C-alpha atoms as a PDB file:
ATOM      1  CA  MET A   1     -71.657 -58.823  79.804  1.00  0.00           C
ATOM      2  CA  GLY A   2     -71.224 -59.106  76.032  1.00  0.00           C
ATOM      3  CA  ALA A   3     -72.120 -61.952  73.732  1.00  0.00           C
ATOM      4  CA  ASN A   4     -68.458 -62.984  73.464  1.00  0.00           C
ATOM      5  CA  SER A   5     -67.750 -62.683  77.155  1.00  0.00           C
ATOM      6  CA  PRO A   6     -65.425 -65.413  78.375  1.00  0.00           C
ATOM      7  CA  SER A   7     -68.007 -66.484  80.932  1.00  0.00           C
ATOM      8  CA  THR A   8     -70.935 -66.921  78.505  1.00  0.00           C
ATOM      9  CA  THR A   9     -69.288 -69.001  75.771  1.00  0.00           C
ATOM     10  CA  PRO A  10     -67.819 -71.723  78.018  1.00  0.00           C
ATOM     11  CA  TYR A  11     -71.144 -71.996  79.824  1.00  0.00           C
ATOM     12  CA  ALA A  12     -72.971 -72.533  76.509  1.00  0.00           C
ATOM     13  CA  GLN A  13     -70.334 -75.053  75.433  1.00  0.00           C
ATOM     14  CA  LYS A  14     -70.858 -76.929  78.695  1.00  0.00           C
ATOM     15  CA  VAL A  15     -74.582 -77.179  77.951  1.00  0.00           C
ATOM     16  CA  ILE A  16     -73.826 -78.371  74.411  1.00  0.00           C
ATOM     17  CA  GLU A  17     -71.443 -80.996  75.781  1.00  0.00           C
ATOM     18  CA  SER A  18     -74.174 -82.183  78.157  1.00  0.00           C
ATOM     19  CA  ILE A  19     -76.561 -83.000  75.278  1.00  0.00           C
ATOM     20  CA  LYS A  20     -73.900 -84.436  72.972  1.00  0.00           C
ATOM     21  CA  PRO A  21     -73.978 -87.985  74.435  1.00  0.00           C
ATOM     22  CA  LEU A  22     -77.692 -88.225  73.685  1.00  0.00           C
ATOM     23  CA  PHE A  23     -77.117 -87.421  70.025  1.00  0.00           C
ATOM     24  CA  GLU A  24     -74.191 -89.837  69.850  1.00  0.00           C
ATOM     25  CA  MET A  25     -76.605 -92.652  70.764  1.00  0.00           C
ATOM     26  CA  LEU A  26     -79.107 -91.647  68.071  1.00  0.00           C
ATOM     27  CA  PRO A  27     -78.887 -92.557  64.366  1.00  0.00           C
ATOM     28  CA  PRO A  28     -76.323 -90.555  62.349  1.00  0.00           C
ATOM     29  CA  GLU A  29     -78.984 -88.482  60.567  1.00  0.00           C
ATOM     30  CA  TYR A  30     -79.748 -86.788  63.906  1.00  0.00           C
ATOM     31  CA  TRP A  31     -76.243 -85.294  64.060  1.00  0.00           C
ATOM     32  CA  GLN A  32     -77.288 -82.422  61.810  1.00  0.00           C
ATOM     33  CA  ALA A  33     -79.960 -81.507  64.372  1.00  0.00           C
ATOM     34  CA  PHE A  34     -77.318 -81.528  67.112  1.00  0.00           C
ATOM     35  CA  GLU A  35     -75.159 -79.142  65.097  1.00  0.00           C
ATOM     36  CA  ARG A  36     -78.120 -76.831  64.490  1.00  0.00           C
ATOM     37  CA  TYR A  37     -79.092 -76.932  68.189  1.00  0.00           C
ATOM     38  CA  SER A  38     -75.494 -76.150  69.126  1.00  0.00           C
ATOM     39  CA  GLU A  39     -75.647 -73.077  66.888  1.00  0.00           C
ATOM     40  CA  TYR A  40     -78.905 -71.976  68.536  1.00  0.00           C
ATOM     41  CA  ILE A  41     -77.415 -72.369  72.008  1.00  0.00           C
ATOM     42  CA  LEU A  42     -74.257 -70.445  71.096  1.00  0.00           C
ATOM     43  CA  LYS A  43     -76.285 -67.737  69.375  1.00  0.00           C
ATOM     44  CA  ASN A  44     -78.305 -67.244  72.561  1.00  0.00           C
ATOM     45  CA  ARG A  45     -75.519 -67.885  75.070  1.00  0.00           C
ATOM     46  CA  VAL A  46     -76.026 -64.614  76.925  1.00  0.00           C
ATOM     47  CA  SER A  47     -79.681 -65.440  77.601  1.00  0.00           C
ATOM     48  CA  LEU A  48     -78.639 -68.916  78.688  1.00  0.00           C
ATOM     49  CA  HIS A  49     -75.992 -67.480  80.977  1.00  0.00           C
ATOM     50  CA  TYR A  50     -78.425 -65.068  82.647  1.00  0.00           C
ATOM     51  CA  ALA A  51     -80.947 -67.847  83.205  1.00  0.00           C
ATOM     52  CA  THR A  52     -78.661 -69.634  85.660  1.00  0.00           C
ATOM     53  CA  GLU A  53     -81.437 -69.886  88.236  1.00  0.00           C
ATOM     54  CA  GLU A  54     -83.214 -72.306  85.901  1.00  0.00           C
ATOM     55  CA  LEU A  55     -81.816 -75.625  84.791  1.00  0.00           C
ATOM     56  CA  PRO A  56     -79.462 -74.803  81.906  1.00  0.00           C
ATOM     57  CA  ILE A  57     -80.671 -77.706  79.795  1.00  0.00           C
ATOM     58  CA  PHE A  58     -84.272 -76.567  80.245  1.00  0.00           C
ATOM     59  CA  VAL A  59     -83.360 -73.072  79.063  1.00  0.00           C
ATOM     60  CA  ALA A  60     -81.448 -74.560  76.125  1.00  0.00           C
ATOM     61  CA  LEU A  61     -84.521 -76.561  75.120  1.00  0.00           C
ATOM     62  CA  ILE A  62     -86.663 -73.430  75.190  1.00  0.00           C
ATOM     63  CA  ILE A  63     -84.109 -71.592  73.030  1.00  0.00           C
ATOM     64  CA  ILE A  64     -84.038 -74.479  70.556  1.00  0.00           C
ATOM     65  CA  GLN A  65     -87.832 -74.590  70.361  1.00  0.00           C
ATOM     66  CA  VAL A  66     -88.150 -70.841  69.805  1.00  0.00           C
ATOM     67  CA  GLU A  67     -85.493 -70.890  67.068  1.00  0.00           C
ATOM     68  CA  ARG A  68     -87.236 -73.825  65.369  1.00  0.00           C
ATOM     69  CA  ASP A  69     -90.598 -72.080  65.601  1.00  0.00           C
ATOM     70  CA  PHE A  70     -89.169 -68.989  63.908  1.00  0.00           C
ATOM     71  CA  ALA A  71     -87.587 -71.074  61.162  1.00  0.00           C
ATOM     72  CA  ASN A  72     -90.771 -73.084  60.622  1.00  0.00           C
ATOM     73  CA  ALA A  73     -92.897 -69.934  60.532  1.00  0.00           C
ATOM     74  CA  GLU A  74     -90.654 -68.436  57.851  1.00  0.00           C
ATOM     75  CA  GLN A  75     -90.903 -71.598  55.765  1.00  0.00           C
ATOM     76  CA  ILE A  76     -94.691 -71.758  56.139  1.00  0.00           C
ATOM     77  CA  ASN A  77     -95.050 -68.092  55.212  1.00  0.00           C
ATOM     78  CA  GLU A  78     -92.942 -68.650  52.124  1.00  0.00           C
ATOM     79  CA  LEU A  79     -95.137 -71.582  51.104  1.00  0.00           C
ATOM     80  CA  TYR A  80     -98.258 -69.433  51.544  1.00  0.00           C
ATOM     81  CA  ARG A  81     -96.698 -66.737  49.355  1.00  0.00           C
ATOM     82  CA  GLN A  82     -95.926 -69.295  46.658  1.00  0.00           C
ATOM     83  CA  VAL A  83     -99.447 -70.750  46.798  1.00  0.00           C
ATOM     84  CA  GLU A  84    -100.966 -67.270  46.519  1.00  0.00           C
ATOM     85  CA  GLU A  85     -98.728 -66.472  43.571  1.00  0.00           C
ATOM     86  CA  LEU A  86     -99.791 -69.696  41.830  1.00  0.00           C
ATOM     87  CA  ARG A  87    -103.455 -68.840  42.456  1.00  0.00           C
ATOM     88  CA  ARG A  88    -103.011 -65.417  40.886  1.00  0.00           C
ATOM     89  CA  GLU A  89    -101.232 -66.915  37.887  1.00  0.00           C
ATOM     90  CA  ASN A  90    -103.999 -69.499  37.538  1.00  0.00           C
ATOM     91  CA  ILE A  91    -106.696 -66.795  37.618  1.00  0.00           C
ATOM     92  CA  LYS A  92    -104.826 -64.752  34.996  1.00  0.00           C
ATOM     93  CA  SER A  93    -104.413 -67.833  32.841  1.00  0.00           C
ATOM     94  CA  LYS A  94    -108.135 -68.653  33.014  1.00  0.00           C
ATOM     95  CA  ARG A  95    -109.069 -65.070  32.117  1.00  0.00           C
ATOM     96  CA  SER A  96    -106.738 -65.023  29.131  1.00  0.00           C
ATOM     97  CA  HIS A  97    -108.202 -68.297  27.833  1.00  0.00           C
ATOM     98  CA  ARG A  98    -111.742 -66.855  27.984  1.00  0.00           C
ATOM     99  CA  GLU A  99    -110.796 -63.793  25.974  1.00  0.00           C
END
């Protein structure tokens, strides 16, 4: 069954619709998180569809957490790269001042 199979997309949309009321009760700034979570669920709709033995919302939460972990790891790695670059520049700057 492909990612755009008629049976996977409606199933993912049903899961999204089930979490929507929660986000509607939260402050407006949480709506962006709902939109991002909806994207994660749709992106992984085939996995969600094949995990029908589990509670769909539970599977959706796992998908959301994994996607967030990947995004956070990328951001942290980028920060480490920037810090390392600043350290190297600082070392070069100190050496040039001594000479």
